[in-house]
Structure formats: structure tokens, C-alpha cells
Amino acid sequence: MNKPILLIMAAGMGSRFGGPKQIEPIDEHDHVILDFSVFDAIRAGFKKVVVIIKKEMEADFEERVGKRIRPHVQLEYAFQSLDKLPAGFEIPEGRVKPWGTAHAILCAKEFLDAPFAVLNADDFYGADAYQKIYAFLKEERPESDCAMVGYQLGNTLSDFGSVARGVCEIGADGKLVTLTERLKIEKRDGAAAFTEDDGKTYTPLALDTLVSMNLFGLQRSVLDEFEARFPAFLTENIPLNPQKCEYLLPRVLDALMREGRINIRVLETSARWHGVTNRPDLPILKAAIRKMKDEGQYPEELWK
């Protein structure tokens, strides 16, 4: 079996953040979150990293991030673009938004010849998450066996706006039963709640609710499932929402689970999430990184 691969999704537009947050420095040495992600992944055992970006980001991304990582790990770029569609489909007029996370993964298919972990470039997951997902993936398993690192909702919220999280229901065997994407979860009255009608009504969520941060360990065979289901998604959703419909990883995985085609073991972590969903999150993340360096969790300069 080929060694597990780390797949990092970095093609998002960063609309809530207000810019290309994937290359926003988070310490005095111009490291970005992805630097820490790759550093933790290498320590866990990963030897190959594939980063999904937009083609127009390539030169800037290579200059800001890629050139300092390359000496330490095999690094490849995959490009997500709107025109990567099945035969018979065209880009809706005026659309600029990417097709979503499941589509992003399909754009990297040629680089994925082994089980892989997939995650977001703008989320800081913590070293424990990489160790757990690598340990899962390195074992020979049936093609239906996948995994997800689960976080407590209260450890993943932003003080400065809503976040999107996959809310989990877990069975007695430790496997995921359902994964429901909630696109607008907020801190509210000392707890958490989500809205699906732009704030007219809210549904409470307990702070210890287990949620997905889009850190999954997948077998390569799921790529065939993603590819096979994409045309039906486009046929159904383009007429309804041509500018913003997204082929989302959690929703596709949830459908595969419900059909019994895969199972997903939940690897729980008590780690606190850090990220830059909204621009005011940035100084909080920088302070957290400073604290972790002072505690010796990371060297002052990662790649020296």
C-alpha cells in the first residue's frame, strides 16, 4: 500500500475573511496556517502533500509558501477551476464561485494514488489530529473504511461571526451515523445556535456537540463515487441556484453513509480549533501561535 497523502484545500475565495486568507501571515516569520499544517503532518508521518489552489494563485502561493516547504516534503499543486465539469455541462453565466469541496477533491484525483487525509488550509487543527488520522490511514483497510477527526463545537466557534460546521451523530460503535452541514452557527447567549433563514430563527446546539472541521481520512475509491454523483448534483442544483450551489464534501459523505457504501470512524480530539473565518479572528490566532511557541510546541522558525 502506498503511504498516506495529505490533501489541503486552499482554493476558497475567503469571502467572509475579505481576502486570500490562505497566505495571510500568522507570526513574525511570515508563516501561514498551512506551514503549521504541513509541519504537524510531517511529524505525524506524511511524506507527500497535495495543495488545491486556483491556477492564478500558483506563482504567489509558491513564492509565499511552497518554496520553503519543498525541501522537507513532496509537494504537488492541483488546480480547481470552474470549467472542470462533466461532459454536457457548462459554467452558468456570471458564476465565479468554486463548485465546492467535493469538486475540489476531484480536481486533485490524478495525484491521489493512496489513502488520503483532506482538510482546509485556513483551519489550525493541532498536532494530535494529524497523528490520529495518519495512524488510521497507514493501516491496510477495506475500501469502505474512512475516518473523521471530531471536535467539540465549543472549541471551534468564532467570536466574530458565523461558522459552517458538520454536526455529527455518532453510534455506539464509534462510527458516524449522520453528518449534517450547518452553514451558519454562532455563539449565542453563552451557548451556540444555528440559523437557516438568515437569523429570523435559531436552533440551539450544545457546546459539547461533536462537529466536523472537514478533516477526513478517505480511501481512494471514494473518488469514483464523487465523480459518479457529480452530474446528478449539477442537473438538480444548477437550475435552483446557478451562482452559488456547491458540491460539498460532508453532504456527499453523508449520502454514501446512508447508502451503506462507506463507514466513517470518529477520532475524537479535545484540541481547540483556531482559524481565520472572519478577519477579527486573526489577532486571536496570532496570540495562540505565540503561546504555543513559548510553550515549546513549535520552534520559533518552522523550517530551519
C-alpha atoms as a PDB file:
ATOM      1  CA  MET A   1       0.000   0.000   0.000  1.00  0.00           C
ATOM      2  CA  ASN A   2       1.295   3.485  -0.873  1.00  0.00           C
ATOM      3  CA  LYS A   3       1.876   5.809   2.065  1.00  0.00           C
ATOM      4  CA  PRO A   4      -0.959   8.166   3.084  1.00  0.00           C
ATOM      5  CA  ILE A   5      -1.163  11.561   1.374  1.00  0.00           C
ATOM      6  CA  LEU A   6      -2.156  14.917   2.876  1.00  0.00           C
ATOM      7  CA  LEU A   7      -4.593  16.878   0.683  1.00  0.00           C
ATOM      8  CA  ILE A   8      -5.051  20.551   1.597  1.00  0.00           C
ATOM      9  CA  MET A   9      -7.942  22.567   0.155  1.00  0.00           C
ATOM     10  CA  ALA A  10      -6.753  26.135  -0.430  1.00  0.00           C
ATOM     11  CA  ALA A  11      -8.795  27.299  -3.431  1.00  0.00           C
ATOM     12  CA  GLY A  12     -11.597  29.017  -1.476  1.00  0.00           C
ATOM     13  CA  MET A  13     -12.196  32.679  -2.094  1.00  0.00           C
ATOM     14  CA  GLY A  14     -12.165  33.704   1.578  1.00  0.00           C
ATOM     15  CA  SER A  15     -15.324  35.819   1.228  1.00  0.00           C
ATOM     16  CA  ARG A  16     -16.067  36.154   4.945  1.00  0.00           C
ATOM     17  CA  PHE A  17     -12.428  36.914   5.685  1.00  0.00           C
ATOM     18  CA  GLY A  18     -12.183  39.526   2.970  1.00  0.00           C
ATOM     19  CA  GLY A  19      -9.177  38.282   1.018  1.00  0.00           C
ATOM     20  CA  PRO A  20      -6.794  35.391   0.271  1.00  0.00           C
ATOM     21  CA  LYS A  21      -6.548  34.130   3.856  1.00  0.00           C
ATOM     22  CA  GLN A  22      -4.579  31.040   2.786  1.00  0.00           C
ATOM     23  CA  ILE A  23      -1.434  33.199   2.505  1.00  0.00           C
ATOM     24  CA  GLU A  24      -2.061  35.594   5.416  1.00  0.00           C
ATOM     25  CA  PRO A  25       0.958  35.576   7.808  1.00  0.00           C
ATOM     26  CA  ILE A  26       0.181  34.497  11.369  1.00  0.00           C
ATOM     27  CA  ASP A  27       3.568  35.063  13.037  1.00  0.00           C
ATOM     28  CA  GLU A  28       6.682  37.233  12.829  1.00  0.00           C
ATOM     29  CA  HIS A  29       8.333  34.887  10.314  1.00  0.00           C
ATOM     30  CA  ASP A  30       5.584  35.105   7.664  1.00  0.00           C
ATOM     31  CA  HIS A  31       4.374  31.574   8.353  1.00  0.00           C
ATOM     32  CA  VAL A  32       0.776  30.894   7.309  1.00  0.00           C
ATOM     33  CA  ILE A  33      -1.556  28.270   8.762  1.00  0.00           C
ATOM     34  CA  LEU A  34      -0.543  25.851   6.028  1.00  0.00           C
ATOM     35  CA  ASP A  35       3.072  25.967   7.256  1.00  0.00           C
ATOM     36  CA  PHE A  36       1.938  24.645  10.632  1.00  0.00           C
ATOM     37  CA  SER A  37      -0.351  22.085   8.991  1.00  0.00           C
ATOM     38  CA  VAL A  38       2.485  20.629   6.909  1.00  0.00           C
ATOM     39  CA  PHE A  39       4.906  20.795   9.840  1.00  0.00           C
ATOM     40  CA  ASP A  40       2.494  18.792  12.030  1.00  0.00           C
ATOM     41  CA  ALA A  41       1.762  16.384   9.164  1.00  0.00           C
ATOM     42  CA  ILE A  42       5.447  15.635   8.595  1.00  0.00           C
ATOM     43  CA  ARG A  43       5.913  14.974  12.307  1.00  0.00           C
ATOM     44  CA  ALA A  44       2.974  12.558  12.154  1.00  0.00           C
ATOM     45  CA  GLY A  45       4.497  10.628   9.222  1.00  0.00           C
ATOM     46  CA  PHE A  46       3.132  12.150   5.979  1.00  0.00           C
ATOM     47  CA  LYS A  47       5.658  12.299   3.108  1.00  0.00           C
ATOM     48  CA  LYS A  48       3.520  13.761   0.305  1.00  0.00           C
ATOM     49  CA  VAL A  49       1.331  16.888   0.331  1.00  0.00           C
ATOM     50  CA  VAL A  50      -1.069  17.987  -2.415  1.00  0.00           C
ATOM     51  CA  VAL A  51      -2.420  21.541  -2.214  1.00  0.00           C
ATOM     52  CA  ILE A  52      -5.545  22.505  -4.164  1.00  0.00           C
ATOM     53  CA  ILE A  53      -5.384  26.110  -5.362  1.00  0.00           C
ATOM     54  CA  LYS A  54      -6.664  28.208  -8.232  1.00  0.00           C
ATOM     55  CA  LYS A  55      -4.268  28.451 -11.171  1.00  0.00           C
ATOM     56  CA  GLU A  56      -3.994  32.214 -10.814  1.00  0.00           C
ATOM     57  CA  MET A  57      -2.728  31.740  -7.236  1.00  0.00           C
ATOM     58  CA  GLU A  58       0.163  29.479  -8.228  1.00  0.00           C
ATOM     59  CA  ALA A  59       3.040  31.968  -8.532  1.00  0.00           C
ATOM     60  CA  ASP A  60       2.106  33.873  -5.380  1.00  0.00           C
ATOM     61  CA  PHE A  61       1.487  30.678  -3.417  1.00  0.00           C
ATOM     62  CA  GLU A  62       4.798  29.164  -4.491  1.00  0.00           C
ATOM     63  CA  GLU A  63       6.686  32.323  -3.557  1.00  0.00           C
ATOM     64  CA  ARG A  64       4.965  32.781  -0.201  1.00  0.00           C
ATOM     65  CA  VAL A  65       4.654  29.153   0.928  1.00  0.00           C
ATOM     66  CA  GLY A  66       5.701  26.425  -1.499  1.00  0.00           C
ATOM     67  CA  LYS A  67       9.400  27.183  -1.855  1.00  0.00           C
ATOM     68  CA  ARG A  68      10.075  26.847   1.872  1.00  0.00           C
ATOM     69  CA  ILE A  69       8.116  23.595   2.231  1.00  0.00           C
ATOM     70  CA  ARG A  70       9.516  21.764  -0.818  1.00  0.00           C
ATOM     71  CA  PRO A  71      12.870  20.821   0.764  1.00  0.00           C
ATOM     72  CA  HIS A  72      11.012  18.926   3.504  1.00  0.00           C
ATOM     73  CA  VAL A  73       8.185  17.063   1.753  1.00  0.00           C
ATOM     74  CA  GLN A  74       6.982  16.041  -1.718  1.00  0.00           C
ATOM     75  CA  LEU A  75       4.700  18.931  -2.729  1.00  0.00           C
ATOM     76  CA  GLU A  76       2.235  18.978  -5.637  1.00  0.00           C
ATOM     77  CA  TYR A  77      -0.348  21.542  -6.777  1.00  0.00           C
ATOM     78  CA  ALA A  78      -3.799  20.633  -8.084  1.00  0.00           C
ATOM     79  CA  PHE A  79      -5.925  23.345  -9.662  1.00  0.00           C
ATOM     80  CA  GLN A  80      -9.624  23.807  -9.026  1.00  0.00           C
ATOM     81  CA  SER A  81     -11.378  25.635 -11.833  1.00  0.00           C
ATOM     82  CA  LEU A  82     -14.984  26.238 -12.803  1.00  0.00           C
ATOM     83  CA  ASP A  83     -14.579  24.598 -16.205  1.00  0.00           C
ATOM     84  CA  LYS A  84     -13.684  21.173 -14.778  1.00  0.00           C
ATOM     85  CA  LEU A  85     -17.161  19.792 -15.383  1.00  0.00           C
ATOM     86  CA  PRO A  86     -18.576  16.537 -16.756  1.00  0.00           C
ATOM     87  CA  ALA A  87     -19.358  16.352 -20.471  1.00  0.00           C
ATOM     88  CA  GLY A  88     -22.543  18.176 -21.366  1.00  0.00           C
ATOM     89  CA  PHE A  89     -22.347  20.836 -18.641  1.00  0.00           C
ATOM     90  CA  GLU A  90     -21.349  24.488 -18.944  1.00  0.00           C
ATOM     91  CA  ILE A  91     -20.493  27.209 -16.427  1.00  0.00           C
ATOM     92  CA  PRO A  92     -23.630  29.260 -15.653  1.00  0.00           C
ATOM     93  CA  GLU A  93     -23.340  32.798 -16.977  1.00  0.00           C
ATOM     94  CA  GLY A  94     -21.860  35.103 -14.352  1.00  0.00           C
ATOM     95  CA  ARG A  95     -20.734  32.364 -11.959  1.00  0.00           C
ATOM     96  CA  VAL A  96     -17.412  32.973 -10.161  1.00  0.00           C
ATOM     97  CA  LYS A  97     -17.831  30.861  -7.003  1.00  0.00           C
ATOM     98  CA  PRO A  98     -15.970  27.497  -6.932  1.00  0.00           C
ATOM     99  CA  TRP A  99     -18.075  24.329  -7.104  1.00  0.00           C
ATOM    100  CA  GLY A 100     -17.342  23.263  -3.527  1.00  0.00           C
ATOM    101  CA  THR A 101     -15.112  20.947  -1.529  1.00  0.00           C
ATOM    102  CA  ALA A 102     -16.092  17.617  -3.126  1.00  0.00           C
ATOM    103  CA  HIS A 103     -15.389  19.138  -6.543  1.00  0.00           C
ATOM    104  CA  ALA A 104     -12.031  20.431  -5.246  1.00  0.00           C
ATOM    105  CA  ILE A 105     -11.037  16.897  -4.296  1.00  0.00           C
ATOM    106  CA  LEU A 106     -11.992  15.618  -7.741  1.00  0.00           C
ATOM    107  CA  CYS A 107      -9.654  18.230  -9.234  1.00  0.00           C
ATOM    108  CA  ALA A 108      -6.781  16.543  -7.352  1.00  0.00           C
ATOM    109  CA  LYS A 109      -7.664  12.983  -8.362  1.00  0.00           C
ATOM    110  CA  GLU A 110      -4.578  12.449 -10.542  1.00  0.00           C
ATOM    111  CA  PHE A 111      -2.295  12.987  -7.537  1.00  0.00           C
ATOM    112  CA  LEU A 112      -4.128  10.660  -5.151  1.00  0.00           C
ATOM    113  CA  ASP A 113      -2.825   7.102  -5.522  1.00  0.00           C
ATOM    114  CA  ALA A 114      -3.159   6.157  -1.846  1.00  0.00           C
ATOM    115  CA  PRO A 115      -5.442   6.704   1.164  1.00  0.00           C
ATOM    116  CA  PHE A 116      -5.505  10.405   1.951  1.00  0.00           C
ATOM    117  CA  ALA A 117      -6.354  12.919   4.645  1.00  0.00           C
ATOM    118  CA  VAL A 118      -8.192  16.006   3.442  1.00  0.00           C
ATOM    119  CA  LEU A 119      -8.503  19.298   5.307  1.00  0.00           C
ATOM    120  CA  ASN A 120      -8.917  23.066   4.968  1.00  0.00           C
ATOM    121  CA  ALA A 121      -5.942  25.395   4.501  1.00  0.00           C
ATOM    122  CA  ASP A 122      -7.444  28.029   6.791  1.00  0.00           C
ATOM    123  CA  ASP A 123      -8.043  25.784   9.833  1.00  0.00           C
ATOM    124  CA  PHE A 124      -5.429  25.078  12.515  1.00  0.00           C
ATOM    125  CA  TYR A 125      -6.128  21.501  13.605  1.00  0.00           C
ATOM    126  CA  GLY A 126      -3.364  20.756  16.132  1.00  0.00           C
ATOM    127  CA  ALA A 127      -0.696  18.055  16.127  1.00  0.00           C
ATOM    128  CA  ASP A 128      -2.944  15.435  17.754  1.00  0.00           C
ATOM    129  CA  ALA A 129      -5.317  15.468  14.788  1.00  0.00           C
ATOM    130  CA  TYR A 130      -2.566  14.647  12.274  1.00  0.00           C
ATOM    131  CA  GLN A 131      -1.209  11.854  14.442  1.00  0.00           C
ATOM    132  CA  LYS A 132      -4.626  10.241  14.777  1.00  0.00           C
ATOM    133  CA  ILE A 133      -5.573  10.461  11.121  1.00  0.00           C
ATOM    134  CA  TYR A 134      -2.172   9.207   9.921  1.00  0.00           C
ATOM    135  CA  ALA A 135      -2.307   6.253  12.319  1.00  0.00           C
ATOM    136  CA  PHE A 136      -5.715   5.345  10.883  1.00  0.00           C
ATOM    137  CA  LEU A 137      -4.708   5.685   7.227  1.00  0.00           C
ATOM    138  CA  LYS A 138      -1.425   3.806   7.409  1.00  0.00           C
ATOM    139  CA  GLU A 139      -3.196   0.547   8.291  1.00  0.00           C
ATOM    140  CA  GLU A 140      -4.444  -1.666   5.466  1.00  0.00           C
ATOM    141  CA  ARG A 141      -8.240  -1.390   5.480  1.00  0.00           C
ATOM    142  CA  PRO A 142     -11.279  -2.215   3.330  1.00  0.00           C
ATOM    143  CA  GLU A 143     -12.138   0.427   0.722  1.00  0.00           C
ATOM    144  CA  SER A 144     -15.257   1.311   2.690  1.00  0.00           C
ATOM    145  CA  ASP A 145     -13.378   2.269   5.890  1.00  0.00           C
ATOM    146  CA  CYS A 146     -12.932   6.014   6.362  1.00  0.00           C
ATOM    147  CA  ALA A 147     -12.397   8.292   9.349  1.00  0.00           C
ATOM    148  CA  MET A 148     -13.061  11.800  10.622  1.00  0.00           C
ATOM    149  CA  VAL A 149     -11.439  13.821  13.383  1.00  0.00           C
ATOM    150  CA  GLY A 150     -14.222  15.191  15.589  1.00  0.00           C
ATOM    151  CA  TYR A 151     -14.043  18.395  17.650  1.00  0.00           C
ATOM    152  CA  GLN A 152     -16.295  19.725  20.394  1.00  0.00           C
ATOM    153  CA  LEU A 153     -18.356  22.575  18.928  1.00  0.00           C
ATOM    154  CA  GLY A 154     -17.422  24.929  21.764  1.00  0.00           C
ATOM    155  CA  ASN A 155     -13.757  24.569  20.812  1.00  0.00           C
ATOM    156  CA  THR A 156     -14.378  25.641  17.220  1.00  0.00           C
ATOM    157  CA  LEU A 157     -16.511  28.789  17.375  1.00  0.00           C
ATOM    158  CA  SER A 158     -15.523  32.293  16.312  1.00  0.00           C
ATOM    159  CA  ASP A 159     -16.182  35.365  18.448  1.00  0.00           C
ATOM    160  CA  PHE A 160     -16.668  37.444  15.327  1.00  0.00           C
ATOM    161  CA  GLY A 161     -19.335  35.855  13.180  1.00  0.00           C
ATOM    162  CA  SER A 162     -20.884  32.637  11.999  1.00  0.00           C
ATOM    163  CA  VAL A 163     -19.066  29.444  11.056  1.00  0.00           C
ATOM    164  CA  ALA A 164     -20.007  26.388   8.990  1.00  0.00           C
ATOM    165  CA  ARG A 165     -19.710  23.027  10.743  1.00  0.00           C
ATOM    166  CA  GLY A 166     -20.765  19.453  10.065  1.00  0.00           C
ATOM    167  CA  VAL A 167     -22.856  18.386  13.072  1.00  0.00           C
ATOM    168  CA  CYS A 168     -22.320  14.711  13.909  1.00  0.00           C
ATOM    169  CA  GLU A 169     -24.468  11.912  15.231  1.00  0.00           C
ATOM    170  CA  ILE A 170     -22.302   9.010  16.445  1.00  0.00           C
ATOM    171  CA  GLY A 171     -23.318   5.415  17.050  1.00  0.00           C
ATOM    172  CA  ALA A 172     -22.368   3.198  19.988  1.00  0.00           C
ATOM    173  CA  ASP A 173     -19.632   1.632  17.830  1.00  0.00           C
ATOM    174  CA  GLY A 174     -17.870   4.996  17.442  1.00  0.00           C
ATOM    175  CA  LYS A 175     -18.877   5.378  13.819  1.00  0.00           C
ATOM    176  CA  LEU A 176     -20.648   8.323  12.272  1.00  0.00           C
ATOM    177  CA  VAL A 177     -24.394   7.883  11.786  1.00  0.00           C
ATOM    178  CA  THR A 178     -25.230  11.233  10.182  1.00  0.00           C
ATOM    179  CA  LEU A 179     -23.318  14.376   9.248  1.00  0.00           C
ATOM    180  CA  THR A 180     -25.474  17.466   8.798  1.00  0.00           C
ATOM    181  CA  GLU A 181     -23.862  20.617   7.439  1.00  0.00           C
ATOM    182  CA  ARG A 182     -24.961  23.768   9.268  1.00  0.00           C
ATOM    183  CA  LEU A 183     -23.710  26.780   7.352  1.00  0.00           C
ATOM    184  CA  LYS A 184     -24.341  29.500   9.968  1.00  0.00           C
ATOM    185  CA  ILE A 185     -23.525  28.567  13.575  1.00  0.00           C
ATOM    186  CA  GLU A 186     -22.933  31.382  16.058  1.00  0.00           C
ATOM    187  CA  LYS A 187     -22.142  31.954  19.696  1.00  0.00           C
ATOM    188  CA  ARG A 188     -25.440  32.993  21.215  1.00  0.00           C
ATOM    189  CA  ASP A 189     -26.481  33.652  24.831  1.00  0.00           C
ATOM    190  CA  GLY A 190     -23.483  31.802  26.269  1.00  0.00           C
ATOM    191  CA  ALA A 191     -24.080  28.753  24.105  1.00  0.00           C
ATOM    192  CA  ALA A 192     -24.382  28.092  20.374  1.00  0.00           C
ATOM    193  CA  ALA A 193     -27.176  28.075  17.815  1.00  0.00           C
ATOM    194  CA  PHE A 194     -27.613  27.818  14.062  1.00  0.00           C
ATOM    195  CA  THR A 195     -29.895  29.606  11.649  1.00  0.00           C
ATOM    196  CA  GLU A 196     -31.117  28.536   8.227  1.00  0.00           C
ATOM    197  CA  ASP A 197     -33.236  31.618   7.481  1.00  0.00           C
ATOM    198  CA  ASP A 198     -30.683  34.455   7.797  1.00  0.00           C
ATOM    199  CA  GLY A 199     -31.250  34.990  11.514  1.00  0.00           C
ATOM    200  CA  LYS A 200     -35.031  35.031  11.679  1.00  0.00           C
ATOM    201  CA  THR A 201     -34.981  31.913  13.858  1.00  0.00           C
ATOM    202  CA  TYR A 202     -32.252  29.996  15.716  1.00  0.00           C
ATOM    203  CA  THR A 203     -31.947  26.378  16.836  1.00  0.00           C
ATOM    204  CA  PRO A 204     -29.715  25.761  19.901  1.00  0.00           C
ATOM    205  CA  LEU A 205     -26.734  23.394  19.846  1.00  0.00           C
ATOM    206  CA  ALA A 206     -24.888  22.115  22.933  1.00  0.00           C
ATOM    207  CA  LEU A 207     -21.266  23.252  23.195  1.00  0.00           C
ATOM    208  CA  ASP A 208     -20.071  19.645  23.533  1.00  0.00           C
ATOM    209  CA  THR A 209     -21.769  18.643  20.278  1.00  0.00           C
ATOM    210  CA  LEU A 210     -19.240  16.815  18.151  1.00  0.00           C
ATOM    211  CA  VAL A 211     -18.603  18.548  14.837  1.00  0.00           C
ATOM    212  CA  SER A 212     -16.565  18.020  11.720  1.00  0.00           C
ATOM    213  CA  MET A 213     -13.884  20.508  10.754  1.00  0.00           C
ATOM    214  CA  ASN A 214     -13.544  18.868   7.327  1.00  0.00           C
ATOM    215  CA  LEU A 215     -10.625  16.691   8.428  1.00  0.00           C
ATOM    216  CA  PHE A 216     -11.336  13.288   6.918  1.00  0.00           C
ATOM    217  CA  GLY A 217      -9.324  10.188   6.183  1.00  0.00           C
ATOM    218  CA  LEU A 218     -10.573   8.648   2.935  1.00  0.00           C
ATOM    219  CA  GLN A 219      -9.818   5.645   0.763  1.00  0.00           C
ATOM    220  CA  ARG A 220      -9.058   6.341  -2.870  1.00  0.00           C
ATOM    221  CA  SER A 221     -12.204   4.556  -4.041  1.00  0.00           C
ATOM    222  CA  VAL A 222     -14.385   7.412  -2.765  1.00  0.00           C
ATOM    223  CA  LEU A 223     -13.097   9.492  -5.674  1.00  0.00           C
ATOM    224  CA  ASP A 224     -15.025   7.254  -8.072  1.00  0.00           C
ATOM    225  CA  GLU A 225     -18.177   7.844  -6.018  1.00  0.00           C
ATOM    226  CA  PHE A 226     -17.652  11.629  -6.054  1.00  0.00           C
ATOM    227  CA  GLU A 227     -17.179  11.562  -9.817  1.00  0.00           C
ATOM    228  CA  ALA A 228     -20.208   9.375 -10.478  1.00  0.00           C
ATOM    229  CA  ARG A 229     -22.539  11.582  -8.420  1.00  0.00           C
ATOM    230  CA  PHE A 230     -21.431  14.971  -9.695  1.00  0.00           C
ATOM    231  CA  PRO A 231     -23.568  15.063 -12.873  1.00  0.00           C
ATOM    232  CA  ALA A 232     -26.767  14.390 -10.906  1.00  0.00           C
ATOM    233  CA  PHE A 233     -25.836  17.154  -8.458  1.00  0.00           C
ATOM    234  CA  LEU A 234     -25.351  19.636 -11.294  1.00  0.00           C
ATOM    235  CA  THR A 235     -28.570  18.615 -13.039  1.00  0.00           C
ATOM    236  CA  GLU A 236     -30.573  19.138  -9.861  1.00  0.00           C
ATOM    237  CA  ASN A 237     -28.907  22.245  -8.443  1.00  0.00           C
ATOM    238  CA  ILE A 238     -27.853  24.489 -11.312  1.00  0.00           C
ATOM    239  CA  PRO A 239     -31.482  25.377 -12.171  1.00  0.00           C
ATOM    240  CA  LEU A 240     -32.180  26.137  -8.495  1.00  0.00           C
ATOM    241  CA  ASN A 241     -29.062  28.150  -7.613  1.00  0.00           C
ATOM    242  CA  PRO A 242     -26.765  28.639 -10.616  1.00  0.00           C
ATOM    243  CA  GLN A 243     -24.432  31.146  -8.928  1.00  0.00           C
ATOM    244  CA  LYS A 244     -23.862  29.571  -5.510  1.00  0.00           C
ATOM    245  CA  CYS A 245     -24.739  25.855  -5.381  1.00  0.00           C
ATOM    246  CA  GLU A 246     -21.820  23.813  -4.031  1.00  0.00           C
ATOM    247  CA  TYR A 247     -20.912  20.135  -4.203  1.00  0.00           C
ATOM    248  CA  LEU A 248     -19.933  19.802  -0.538  1.00  0.00           C
ATOM    249  CA  LEU A 249     -17.778  17.025   0.882  1.00  0.00           C
ATOM    250  CA  PRO A 250     -19.822  16.461   4.090  1.00  0.00           C
ATOM    251  CA  ARG A 251     -23.067  16.089   2.152  1.00  0.00           C
ATOM    252  CA  VAL A 252     -21.615  13.587  -0.291  1.00  0.00           C
ATOM    253  CA  LEU A 253     -20.083  11.549   2.541  1.00  0.00           C
ATOM    254  CA  ASP A 254     -23.378  11.630   4.438  1.00  0.00           C
ATOM    255  CA  ALA A 255     -25.186  10.250   1.383  1.00  0.00           C
ATOM    256  CA  LEU A 256     -22.616   7.467   0.991  1.00  0.00           C
ATOM    257  CA  MET A 257     -23.002   6.527   4.654  1.00  0.00           C
ATOM    258  CA  ARG A 258     -26.784   6.431   4.426  1.00  0.00           C
ATOM    259  CA  GLU A 259     -26.492   4.073   1.455  1.00  0.00           C
ATOM    260  CA  GLY A 260     -24.076   1.824   3.352  1.00  0.00           C
ATOM    261  CA  ARG A 261     -21.282   2.345   0.834  1.00  0.00           C
ATOM    262  CA  ILE A 262     -18.817   3.688   3.415  1.00  0.00           C
ATOM    263  CA  ASN A 263     -18.467   3.904   7.172  1.00  0.00           C
ATOM    264  CA  ILE A 264     -16.660   6.694   8.998  1.00  0.00           C
ATOM    265  CA  ARG A 265     -14.960   6.137  12.338  1.00  0.00           C
ATOM    266  CA  VAL A 266     -14.843   9.246  14.524  1.00  0.00           C
ATOM    267  CA  LEU A 267     -11.424  10.004  16.016  1.00  0.00           C
ATOM    268  CA  GLU A 268     -12.228  12.406  18.854  1.00  0.00           C
ATOM    269  CA  THR A 269      -9.899  15.189  19.926  1.00  0.00           C
ATOM    270  CA  SER A 270     -10.168  17.695  22.766  1.00  0.00           C
ATOM    271  CA  ALA A 271      -7.941  20.137  20.855  1.00  0.00           C
ATOM    272  CA  ARG A 272      -9.104  23.695  20.326  1.00  0.00           C
ATOM    273  CA  TRP A 273      -9.616  24.815  16.754  1.00  0.00           C
ATOM    274  CA  HIS A 274      -8.030  28.016  15.534  1.00  0.00           C
ATOM    275  CA  GLY A 275      -8.748  29.682  12.233  1.00  0.00           C
ATOM    276  CA  VAL A 276      -9.499  32.844  10.326  1.00  0.00           C
ATOM    277  CA  THR A 277     -13.115  32.519   9.240  1.00  0.00           C
ATOM    278  CA  ASN A 278     -13.552  36.266   9.829  1.00  0.00           C
ATOM    279  CA  ARG A 279     -10.819  38.932   9.782  1.00  0.00           C
ATOM    280  CA  PRO A 280     -11.087  39.800  13.520  1.00  0.00           C
ATOM    281  CA  ASP A 281     -10.141  36.140  14.217  1.00  0.00           C
ATOM    282  CA  LEU A 282      -6.596  36.876  13.013  1.00  0.00           C
ATOM    283  CA  PRO A 283      -5.114  38.543  16.139  1.00  0.00           C
ATOM    284  CA  ILE A 284      -6.579  35.767  18.314  1.00  0.00           C
ATOM    285  CA  LEU A 285      -4.895  33.134  16.149  1.00  0.00           C
ATOM    286  CA  LYS A 286      -1.594  35.017  16.242  1.00  0.00           C
ATOM    287  CA  ALA A 287      -1.741  35.159  20.044  1.00  0.00           C
ATOM    288  CA  ALA A 288      -2.473  31.416  20.219  1.00  0.00           C
ATOM    289  CA  ILE A 289       0.514  30.631  17.968  1.00  0.00           C
ATOM    290  CA  ARG A 290       2.756  32.832  20.108  1.00  0.00           C
ATOM    291  CA  LYS A 291       1.636  30.976  23.226  1.00  0.00           C
ATOM    292  CA  MET A 292       2.250  27.538  21.661  1.00  0.00           C
ATOM    293  CA  LYS A 293       5.752  28.581  20.605  1.00  0.00           C
ATOM    294  CA  ASP A 294       6.500  29.902  24.085  1.00  0.00           C
ATOM    295  CA  GLU A 295       5.373  26.541  25.494  1.00  0.00           C
ATOM    296  CA  GLY A 296       7.745  24.695  23.161  1.00  0.00           C
ATOM    297  CA  GLN A 297       5.091  23.072  20.971  1.00  0.00           C
ATOM    298  CA  TYR A 298       6.675  24.634  17.863  1.00  0.00           C
ATOM    299  CA  PRO A 299      10.114  26.058  17.085  1.00  0.00           C
ATOM    300  CA  GLU A 300      10.382  29.777  16.511  1.00  0.00           C
ATOM    301  CA  GLU A 301      11.093  29.195  12.785  1.00  0.00           C
ATOM    302  CA  LEU A 302       9.482  26.017  11.468  1.00  0.00           C
ATOM    303  CA  TRP A 303      11.736  25.176   8.534  1.00  0.00           C
ATOM    304  CA  LYS A 304      15.226  25.826   9.947  1.00  0.00           C
END
